[in-house]
Each structure stands twice: as structure tokens, then as C-alpha cells.
């Protein structure tokens, strides 16, 4: 794998840290700015809104910019957003800073995935994309716990100052290690939008929305589940989140080669496994050691869905994949928000702290059903395409002089 993937992974590490660290800093931010924890929770949604808006918008605006320069501009915006968050004088300005920091998220991963795939030979593209995403998973093992402890010790502003410094480091790595790749020839906003008309692209995005929502229906309330049901101390929450990050990393490492070998079976298998593990978690959450093991497995099977979905969407929009690739991250963040809402609704309805596990399993099954429908439609279209090729070949043969009869 080329060193350029290391630069993409460093940027991914910074993005993953700033995305997830707010969940651990909500009490500190609420106390410092004189607001409630539920109100401070809007800071998580603000980042997701930035991703959903910025992914298609910034990707479209930068469709003609050379790829390395586009990556640098996106990370510059990311750095400014985190610096603005660190210096925010009040809650409203912090909210704006979080939206600003989220804007380049989806566009960076969309452009980065296309760049990563172009840096390696045929048959290793999924592994290259998964390597970039390793930064995101490692952020959940190291970055988020360390940044949370830093914020608790020195104040939440210190956390965002450090993340801004990681943004500067990633810009230096991108400038040094990523080759000067031009924008795709003939690429334009019209062509990028045209790629989104492909039904398989939309089915892939819909699979991401429902399938990945199953993960966040549980992840959003994992800390409360482990303290209220499993009986772990609040000081153990950071350890639990790190275990989930370890699982994510294992899933990313496995997803790359599996997706290169068999894309759709990997997608089907990961979504089915996710549904099963979520149902099992409803039982194991009551036993400490079993709950901790299940957290690792949940992180693994949950994150295994991301690489095949990313590659599927890129391949179905192969003539203009950047906007479709970035839009997948809008879908993943809609899944984050939707899964958190669905899990929270179940808890508020009085179904208990473990109810998000079954809600998540149901969402994963819906995602699997959408993915299976997409596969059936693709297979049903293949015979038609084969018949067109065959009829064209027959027409060409018919235009040739007839062979002399054999006596």
C-alpha cells in the first residue's frame, strides 16, 4: 500500500476524533456554557447536519479541482471549524463551529475514497479504501478516549485545539505524500449529478441509512446501557468505547480483502451478522464479561458494512463516482441521527434500556432487505444485457456472406 494512504488515514483519525468526542464531553460543555446536557446534545446533531449538507455541496463545487488540492482545502476548512469551536464564546457560536467542522467530513471521505482506489492496482481498491478508514476506527480506540480525558482535565476547549493541530498535521502529510492527481477528465457537476440517477446508487444509499442506523441505535446509548443494566462503573465507559473501537478496526481490516473478493456477499453477510449480534446483545448485556465481548463483535460487524457499501456506490457511479461516494457519508450520518432517534424513542416509551438492541436489529434487517432487493434487480437486468449483446452478435453474423453448403 502506498504511503499516501497514511496521509489519508491521519486525516481520517482527526475527523473521527472530532465527530465522536463530543459524546464524552457533553457534561463538561453543558456546565461551562450554563446549559443542560440534552441541549448540549444538539452539538452532536449540528456536526451531523454539517456532514449531510457539506458532502454533496462541497463535492459538487470542487468537482473540477485537482484531487490533492481539494483534499487540502477540505482539511483546511476542518481545521478552521475546530479552531472556531475551541474559541467559541458561547453555545450558539460553538453550534456554528460544529456545523463548520462537519461540512468537509463527507466530501473528504468521498474524494479520499476515489483517490485511494486510484493509487492501487485493480483488485485492491477495497483494501485501499479500508486502509483510509482505519484512521477513523483507530480514533475510537485512541483519539476519542484520550481527547475525552484531555477535555475533562484541561477543559473541552483544549480538545478542539488539539484536533485543529491534527488537522494541520494531516495537511502537511497530504501535501507531502499524496501525488498530484488531476480531476477526472470530463468531470462536471452535470455529470456527477447524472451518476446519482442510477437506481443502484440510491438503493445503496438507502441500505446505508437503514443498515448503519442499527449500529447507532445502540451505540448512542451504549454508555447508559453498560452502567444501568450491565452494572459497570461510570469510569469504565471510556474502556467500553475503546473496546467498540477495537471491534471497528478489526471489522475494517477484514472488510477490505473480503469486499475485493466478493462485494455483495460481504455486504449481505455483515448486515445479517449485525442483526444477529444485536439480538444476542439483548441477552448478554446482563453479564459483564459477555457484554464486553459482544461490544467488540458489534463494532466489528457494524463497521464491516461501510467498505462494501462505499465500494458498491462508487462502482455503480463509476463514470462520476466522487459525488456519489461523498453522498454515502450523508447517508451514514442520517443513519447516525435516525438510529439515535429510534433508540431514544424506544427508551422514552418505557421499553427499557436494552430496547435499542432490538430496534437496531430491526433496522439492520430492513437494510439487508433493501440490499437483497438491489441484488435481485441487478441479476434480473443481467440476462437482458446478455440478450442485447447476443442479438448484436447475431446481427453481425447475419451481415456476413453465407458459408458455402457442405456436401
Protein backbone atom coordinates (compact mmCIF):
# COMPACT_ATOMS: atom_id res chain seq x y z
CA UNK A 1 0.00 0.00 0.00
CA UNK A 2 1.39 3.46 -0.91
CA UNK A 3 2.37 5.95 1.81
CA UNK A 4 -0.28 8.35 0.51
CA UNK A 5 -2.84 6.16 2.29
CA UNK A 6 -1.09 7.03 5.57
CA UNK A 7 -1.80 10.72 4.96
CA UNK A 8 -5.47 9.91 4.29
CA UNK A 9 -5.58 7.80 7.48
CA UNK A 10 -4.13 10.66 9.57
CA UNK A 11 -6.84 13.00 8.30
CA UNK A 12 -9.42 10.27 8.93
CA UNK A 13 -8.14 9.96 12.50
CA UNK A 14 -8.68 13.68 13.12
CA UNK A 15 -12.17 13.60 11.59
CA UNK A 16 -13.17 10.55 13.63
CA UNK A 17 -11.89 12.12 16.84
CA UNK A 18 -13.84 15.36 16.46
CA UNK A 19 -17.00 13.52 15.35
CA UNK A 20 -17.28 11.20 18.34
CA UNK A 21 -15.52 13.07 21.17
CA UNK A 22 -18.46 15.41 21.78
CA UNK A 23 -20.47 12.49 23.21
CA UNK A 24 -17.98 12.23 26.08
CA UNK A 25 -17.67 15.99 26.61
CA UNK A 26 -21.36 16.91 26.79
CA UNK A 27 -21.45 17.27 30.61
CA UNK A 28 -18.32 19.46 30.58
CA UNK A 29 -19.62 21.69 27.80
CA UNK A 30 -23.03 21.98 29.45
CA UNK A 31 -21.51 23.02 32.80
CA UNK A 32 -19.11 25.52 31.24
CA UNK A 33 -21.70 27.20 29.00
CA UNK A 34 -24.55 27.08 31.51
CA UNK A 35 -26.92 24.81 29.60
CA UNK A 36 -28.42 21.35 30.07
CA UNK A 37 -26.94 18.10 28.80
CA UNK A 38 -29.93 17.45 26.44
CA UNK A 39 -29.49 20.94 24.97
CA UNK A 40 -25.75 20.37 24.63
CA UNK A 41 -26.64 17.19 22.75
CA UNK A 42 -27.63 19.41 19.82
CA UNK A 43 -23.89 19.83 19.24
CA UNK A 44 -23.78 16.19 18.09
CA UNK A 45 -26.66 16.81 15.69
CA UNK A 46 -25.03 20.05 14.47
CA UNK A 47 -21.98 18.14 13.28
CA UNK A 48 -24.17 15.57 11.51
CA UNK A 49 -26.12 18.38 9.81
CA UNK A 50 -22.83 19.82 8.59
CA UNK A 51 -21.90 16.43 7.08
CA UNK A 52 -25.26 15.96 5.37
CA UNK A 53 -25.16 19.46 3.82
CA UNK A 54 -21.45 19.63 3.06
CA UNK A 55 -20.95 16.22 1.44
CA UNK A 56 -22.88 16.85 -1.79
CA UNK A 57 -22.42 20.64 -1.82
CA UNK A 58 -18.63 20.84 -1.41
CA UNK A 59 -18.06 17.80 -3.64
CA UNK A 60 -20.09 19.39 -6.41
CA UNK A 61 -18.35 22.76 -6.06
CA UNK A 62 -14.94 21.11 -6.15
CA UNK A 63 -15.62 18.67 -8.99
CA UNK A 64 -13.08 20.36 -11.29
CA UNK A 65 -10.33 20.91 -8.68
CA UNK A 66 -7.28 18.60 -8.73
CA UNK A 67 -7.71 15.91 -6.10
CA UNK A 68 -4.78 16.73 -3.78
CA UNK A 69 -5.66 20.42 -3.72
CA UNK A 70 -9.28 19.53 -2.97
CA UNK A 71 -8.23 17.34 -0.04
CA UNK A 72 -6.06 20.16 1.33
CA UNK A 73 -8.89 22.70 1.06
CA UNK A 74 -11.27 20.36 2.85
CA UNK A 75 -8.84 19.75 5.71
CA UNK A 76 -8.19 23.49 5.95
CA UNK A 77 -11.93 24.01 6.45
CA UNK A 78 -11.95 21.20 9.01
CA UNK A 79 -9.11 22.86 10.92
CA UNK A 80 -10.83 26.26 10.90
CA UNK A 81 -14.06 24.68 12.15
CA UNK A 82 -12.33 23.02 15.11
CA UNK A 83 -10.38 26.19 15.91
CA UNK A 84 -13.64 28.15 15.85
CA UNK A 85 -15.15 25.56 18.22
CA UNK A 86 -12.22 25.92 20.64
CA UNK A 87 -12.53 29.73 20.67
CA UNK A 88 -16.35 29.90 20.71
CA UNK A 89 -17.51 32.42 23.36
CA UNK A 90 -20.97 30.87 23.76
CA UNK A 91 -23.25 27.98 22.90
CA UNK A 92 -24.57 29.46 19.64
CA UNK A 93 -21.10 30.12 18.25
CA UNK A 94 -19.99 26.63 19.32
CA UNK A 95 -23.00 25.23 17.48
CA UNK A 96 -21.90 27.11 14.35
CA UNK A 97 -18.34 25.85 14.80
CA UNK A 98 -19.56 22.26 14.92
CA UNK A 99 -21.55 22.70 11.71
CA UNK A 100 -18.47 24.24 10.06
CA UNK A 101 -16.24 21.36 11.23
CA UNK A 102 -18.74 18.83 9.85
CA UNK A 103 -19.07 20.39 6.39
CA UNK A 104 -15.88 18.82 4.89
CA UNK A 105 -16.37 15.39 6.51
CA UNK A 106 -18.35 13.63 3.78
CA UNK A 107 -16.62 15.41 0.90
CA UNK A 108 -13.20 14.43 2.27
CA UNK A 109 -14.10 10.75 2.57
CA UNK A 110 -15.81 10.84 -0.82
CA UNK A 111 -12.80 12.35 -2.59
CA UNK A 112 -10.37 10.37 -0.43
CA UNK A 113 -12.02 7.05 -1.30
CA UNK A 114 -11.73 7.80 -5.03
CA UNK A 115 -8.08 8.85 -4.59
CA UNK A 116 -7.29 5.73 -2.52
CA UNK A 117 -8.82 3.48 -5.18
CA UNK A 118 -6.77 5.21 -7.91
CA UNK A 119 -3.49 4.71 -6.02
CA UNK A 120 -3.54 0.89 -6.16
CA UNK A 121 -3.84 -1.77 -8.83
CA UNK A 122 -7.08 -3.48 -9.85
CA UNK A 123 -8.35 -5.92 -7.23
CA UNK A 124 -7.00 -3.99 -4.23
CA UNK A 125 -9.25 -0.93 -4.27
CA UNK A 126 -11.43 -2.03 -1.35
CA UNK A 127 -8.34 -2.69 0.77
CA UNK A 128 -7.06 0.79 -0.04
CA UNK A 129 -10.37 2.39 0.97
CA UNK A 130 -10.46 0.29 4.15
CA UNK A 131 -6.91 1.45 4.99
CA UNK A 132 -8.06 5.07 4.82
CA UNK A 133 -10.97 4.24 7.14
CA UNK A 134 -8.56 2.66 9.64
CA UNK A 135 -7.82 6.19 10.85
CA UNK A 136 -11.49 6.56 11.72
CA UNK A 137 -11.54 3.31 13.68
CA UNK A 138 -8.25 3.99 15.48
CA UNK A 139 -9.72 7.33 16.52
CA UNK A 140 -12.31 5.41 18.51
CA UNK A 141 -9.60 3.36 20.24
CA UNK A 142 -7.09 6.12 20.99
CA UNK A 143 -8.27 9.53 19.83
CA UNK A 144 -11.71 9.71 21.44
CA UNK A 145 -10.72 8.31 24.89
CA UNK A 146 -7.55 10.46 25.00
CA UNK A 147 -9.37 13.58 23.82
CA UNK A 148 -12.14 12.97 26.36
CA UNK A 149 -9.63 12.68 29.21
CA UNK A 150 -7.85 15.81 27.96
CA UNK A 151 -11.12 17.72 27.87
CA UNK A 152 -12.04 16.56 31.37
CA UNK A 153 -8.62 17.57 32.71
CA UNK A 154 -7.83 20.81 30.87
CA UNK A 155 -11.26 21.83 29.62
CA UNK A 156 -13.18 20.95 26.46
CA UNK A 157 -11.56 23.83 24.51
CA UNK A 158 -8.17 22.09 24.78
CA UNK A 159 -9.64 19.07 23.00
CA UNK A 160 -10.63 21.08 19.93
CA UNK A 161 -7.28 22.90 19.88
CA UNK A 162 -5.53 19.51 19.70
CA UNK A 163 -7.89 18.33 16.95
CA UNK A 164 -7.11 21.52 15.00
CA UNK A 165 -3.40 20.68 15.36
CA UNK A 166 -4.12 17.19 13.98
CA UNK A 167 -5.80 18.93 11.04
CA UNK A 168 -2.60 20.91 10.36
CA UNK A 169 -0.52 17.71 10.62
CA UNK A 170 -2.79 15.94 8.15
CA UNK A 171 -2.48 18.84 5.70
CA UNK A 172 1.31 18.56 5.84
CA UNK A 173 1.10 14.79 5.26
CA UNK A 174 -1.32 15.19 2.35
CA UNK A 175 0.87 17.82 0.70
CA UNK A 176 3.97 15.63 1.11
CA UNK A 177 2.67 12.13 0.38
CA UNK A 178 -0.34 12.34 -1.95
CA UNK A 179 0.64 12.64 -5.64
CA UNK A 180 -0.72 15.49 -7.76
CA UNK A 181 -3.76 13.73 -9.21
CA UNK A 182 -5.85 15.74 -11.68
CA UNK A 183 -9.62 15.88 -11.52
CA UNK A 184 -11.25 13.18 -13.61
CA UNK A 185 -11.31 14.14 -17.25
CA UNK A 186 -14.65 15.46 -18.44
CA UNK A 187 -15.92 15.63 -14.88
CA UNK A 188 -18.59 18.27 -14.28
CA UNK A 189 -21.43 18.98 -11.91
CA UNK A 190 -23.95 17.76 -14.51
CA UNK A 191 -22.07 14.51 -14.95
CA UNK A 192 -21.76 13.99 -11.18
CA UNK A 193 -25.48 14.62 -10.71
CA UNK A 194 -26.21 12.29 -13.60
CA UNK A 195 -24.44 9.46 -11.78
CA UNK A 196 -26.92 9.84 -8.93
CA UNK A 197 -29.77 8.86 -11.26
CA UNK A 198 -28.63 5.23 -11.18
CA UNK A 199 -31.23 3.26 -9.13
CA UNK A 200 -28.49 1.05 -7.66
CA UNK A 201 -26.78 4.14 -6.21
CA UNK A 202 -29.97 5.16 -4.40
CA UNK A 203 -30.57 1.61 -3.18
CA UNK A 204 -27.01 1.59 -1.83
CA UNK A 205 -27.61 4.89 -0.02
CA UNK A 206 -30.90 3.58 1.38
CA UNK A 207 -29.12 0.43 2.59
CA UNK A 208 -26.62 2.64 4.43
CA UNK A 209 -29.37 4.72 6.05
CA UNK A 210 -31.22 1.71 7.48
CA UNK A 211 -28.39 -0.78 7.97
CA UNK A 212 -25.99 1.56 9.74
CA UNK A 213 -28.85 3.06 11.80
CA UNK A 214 -28.93 -0.32 13.52
CA UNK A 215 -25.42 0.33 14.86
CA UNK A 216 -26.18 3.82 16.18
CA UNK A 217 -29.48 2.85 17.74
CA UNK A 218 -27.29 1.03 20.29
CA UNK A 219 -24.01 2.98 20.18
CA UNK A 220 -25.75 6.24 21.12
CA UNK A 221 -26.95 4.69 24.39
CA UNK A 222 -24.13 2.23 24.98
CA UNK A 223 -22.76 4.12 27.99
CA UNK A 224 -26.15 4.20 29.71
CA UNK A 225 -26.81 0.53 28.91
CA UNK A 226 -23.49 -0.56 30.38
CA UNK A 227 -23.92 1.44 33.59
CA UNK A 228 -27.67 0.98 34.15
CA UNK A 229 -28.04 -2.67 33.02
CA UNK A 230 -24.61 -4.31 33.00
CA UNK A 231 -23.61 -2.62 36.23
CA UNK A 232 -20.26 -1.14 35.19
CA UNK A 233 -18.94 1.98 36.89
CA UNK A 234 -19.10 5.28 35.00
CA UNK A 235 -15.29 5.35 34.98
CA UNK A 236 -15.38 2.21 32.78
CA UNK A 237 -17.28 3.89 29.95
CA UNK A 238 -14.08 5.08 28.23
CA UNK A 239 -12.80 1.48 28.28
CA UNK A 240 -16.08 0.22 26.76
CA UNK A 241 -15.89 2.80 23.95
CA UNK A 242 -12.29 1.75 23.29
CA UNK A 243 -13.43 -1.88 23.01
CA UNK A 244 -16.02 -0.81 20.45
CA UNK A 245 -13.24 0.97 18.55
CA UNK A 246 -11.11 -2.19 18.59
CA UNK A 247 -14.02 -4.04 17.05
CA UNK A 248 -14.40 -1.34 14.39
CA UNK A 249 -10.72 -1.71 13.49
CA UNK A 250 -10.97 -5.50 13.20
CA UNK A 251 -14.05 -5.09 11.02
CA UNK A 252 -12.27 -2.61 8.74
CA UNK A 253 -9.26 -4.92 8.37
CA UNK A 254 -11.50 -7.86 7.44
CA UNK A 255 -13.83 -5.90 5.17
CA UNK A 256 -11.17 -4.80 2.67
CA UNK A 257 -10.00 -8.21 1.34
CA UNK A 258 -13.48 -9.72 1.69
CA UNK A 259 -15.02 -6.91 -0.37
CA UNK A 260 -12.32 -7.24 -3.05
CA UNK A 261 -13.14 -10.95 -3.28
CA UNK A 262 -16.97 -10.83 -3.11
CA UNK A 263 -18.66 -7.45 -2.65
CA UNK A 264 -22.35 -8.29 -2.33
CA UNK A 265 -21.88 -11.45 -0.21
CA UNK A 266 -19.74 -9.39 2.20
CA UNK A 267 -22.49 -6.78 2.40
CA UNK A 268 -25.24 -9.37 2.93
CA UNK A 269 -23.19 -11.27 5.50
CA UNK A 270 -22.23 -8.20 7.53
CA UNK A 271 -25.83 -6.91 7.71
CA UNK A 272 -27.18 -10.35 8.67
CA UNK A 273 -24.45 -10.74 11.30
CA UNK A 274 -25.25 -7.25 12.64
CA UNK A 275 -28.91 -8.17 13.15
CA UNK A 276 -27.97 -11.41 14.93
CA UNK A 277 -25.39 -9.76 17.20
CA UNK A 278 -27.85 -7.04 18.21
CA UNK A 279 -30.42 -9.67 19.23
CA UNK A 280 -27.72 -11.56 21.16
CA UNK A 281 -26.65 -8.32 22.86
CA UNK A 282 -30.14 -8.02 24.34
CA UNK A 283 -29.26 -11.18 26.32
CA UNK A 284 -25.53 -10.75 27.01
CA UNK A 285 -25.83 -7.15 28.25
CA UNK A 286 -26.85 -8.55 31.65
CA UNK A 287 -23.50 -10.37 32.13
CA UNK A 288 -20.36 -8.22 32.36
CA UNK A 289 -17.81 -10.38 30.52
CA UNK A 290 -20.32 -11.41 27.84
CA UNK A 291 -21.42 -7.81 27.34
CA UNK A 292 -17.83 -6.65 26.82
CA UNK A 293 -17.16 -9.41 24.27
CA UNK A 294 -20.37 -8.54 22.43
CA UNK A 295 -19.35 -4.86 22.29
CA UNK A 296 -16.19 -5.84 20.38
CA UNK A 297 -18.13 -8.09 17.99
CA UNK A 298 -20.78 -5.41 17.47
CA UNK A 299 -18.12 -2.88 16.50
CA UNK A 300 -16.60 -5.38 14.06
CA UNK A 301 -19.75 -6.47 12.21
CA UNK A 302 -21.18 -2.95 12.29
CA UNK A 303 -18.18 -1.37 10.62
CA UNK A 304 -17.80 -4.24 8.13
CA UNK A 305 -20.83 -2.80 6.32
CA UNK A 306 -19.12 0.50 5.46
CA UNK A 307 -16.46 -0.68 2.98
CA UNK A 308 -18.74 -2.83 0.75
CA UNK A 309 -21.37 -0.06 0.73
CA UNK A 310 -18.75 2.55 -0.20
CA UNK A 311 -17.34 0.38 -2.99
CA UNK A 312 -20.80 -0.60 -4.29
CA UNK A 313 -21.86 3.04 -4.61
CA UNK A 314 -18.56 4.02 -6.27
CA UNK A 315 -18.82 1.18 -8.81
CA UNK A 316 -22.42 1.90 -9.72
CA UNK A 317 -21.48 5.56 -10.29
CA UNK A 318 -18.10 4.68 -11.81
CA UNK A 319 -18.21 7.35 -14.55
CA UNK A 320 -18.53 10.10 -11.91
CA UNK A 321 -18.05 8.45 -8.52
CA UNK A 322 -16.96 11.36 -6.31
CA UNK A 323 -20.36 12.92 -5.55
CA UNK A 324 -22.00 9.53 -5.05
CA UNK A 325 -19.13 8.47 -2.77
CA UNK A 326 -19.49 11.65 -0.69
CA UNK A 327 -23.26 11.23 -0.56
CA UNK A 328 -22.78 7.87 1.12
CA UNK A 329 -21.40 9.75 4.14
CA UNK A 330 -24.51 11.89 4.20
CA UNK A 331 -26.42 8.61 4.31
CA UNK A 332 -24.25 7.29 7.15
CA UNK A 333 -24.84 10.46 9.18
CA UNK A 334 -28.57 10.27 8.53
CA UNK A 335 -28.24 6.75 9.90
CA UNK A 336 -26.46 8.14 12.97
CA UNK A 337 -29.26 10.62 13.65
CA UNK A 338 -32.07 8.21 12.75
CA UNK A 339 -30.66 5.34 14.78
CA UNK A 340 -30.17 7.57 17.84
CA UNK A 341 -33.73 8.87 17.47
CA UNK A 342 -35.21 5.37 17.11
CA UNK A 343 -33.30 4.01 20.10
CA UNK A 344 -34.19 7.04 22.22
CA UNK A 345 -37.85 6.75 21.28
CA UNK A 346 -37.90 3.13 22.45
CA UNK A 347 -36.37 4.08 25.80
CA UNK A 348 -38.74 7.04 26.23
CA UNK A 349 -41.70 4.75 25.51
CA UNK A 350 -40.78 2.74 28.61
CA UNK A 351 -39.44 -0.33 26.80
CA UNK A 352 -36.27 -0.35 28.89
CA UNK A 353 -32.59 0.44 28.45
CA UNK A 354 -32.00 -2.69 26.34
CA UNK A 355 -34.78 -1.92 23.84
CA UNK A 356 -32.39 -0.16 21.38
CA UNK A 357 -30.77 -3.55 20.67
CA UNK A 358 -33.98 -4.98 19.19
CA UNK A 359 -34.78 -1.70 17.43
CA UNK A 360 -31.30 -1.80 15.91
CA UNK A 361 -31.76 -5.42 14.83
CA UNK A 362 -34.99 -4.49 13.05
CA UNK A 363 -33.26 -1.61 11.26
CA UNK A 364 -30.42 -3.93 10.18
CA UNK A 365 -32.97 -6.39 8.75
CA UNK A 366 -34.58 -3.57 6.75
CA UNK A 367 -31.14 -2.61 5.42
CA UNK A 368 -30.49 -6.25 4.47
CA UNK A 369 -33.86 -6.40 2.67
CA UNK A 370 -33.02 -3.28 0.64
CA UNK A 371 -29.58 -4.70 -0.22
CA UNK A 372 -31.15 -8.04 -1.28
CA UNK A 373 -33.70 -6.21 -3.45
CA UNK A 374 -30.87 -4.31 -5.14
CA UNK A 375 -29.06 -7.58 -5.79
CA UNK A 376 -32.17 -9.19 -7.30
CA UNK A 377 -32.76 -6.20 -9.57
CA UNK A 378 -29.14 -6.31 -10.69
CA UNK A 379 -29.31 -10.02 -11.51
CA UNK A 380 -32.61 -9.63 -13.36
CA UNK A 381 -31.04 -6.91 -15.51
CA UNK A 382 -28.05 -9.08 -16.46
CA UNK A 383 -29.93 -11.53 -18.74
CA UNK A 384 -31.43 -8.58 -20.62
CA UNK A 385 -27.98 -7.13 -21.16
CA UNK A 386 -26.73 -10.55 -22.30
CA UNK A 387 -29.58 -10.83 -24.79
CA UNK A 388 -28.72 -7.41 -26.24
CA UNK A 389 -25.10 -8.48 -26.71
CA UNK A 390 -26.15 -11.80 -28.23
CA UNK A 391 -28.60 -10.17 -30.65
CA UNK A 392 -25.92 -7.68 -31.72
CA UNK A 393 -23.51 -10.53 -32.39
CA UNK A 394 -26.16 -12.42 -34.36
CA UNK A 395 -26.89 -9.35 -36.45
CA UNK A 396 -23.20 -9.00 -37.26
CA UNK A 397 -23.02 -12.66 -38.29
CA UNK A 398 -26.12 -12.28 -40.45
CA UNK A 399 -24.49 -9.41 -42.34
CA UNK A 400 -21.57 -11.59 -43.37
CA UNK A 401 -21.66 -13.69 -46.57
CA UNK A 402 -23.24 -17.09 -46.04
CA UNK A 403 -20.87 -20.02 -45.92
CA UNK A 404 -20.97 -22.48 -48.78
CA UNK A 405 -23.06 -25.59 -48.05
CA UNK A 406 -21.10 -28.69 -47.13
CA UNK A 407 -21.77 -31.68 -49.34
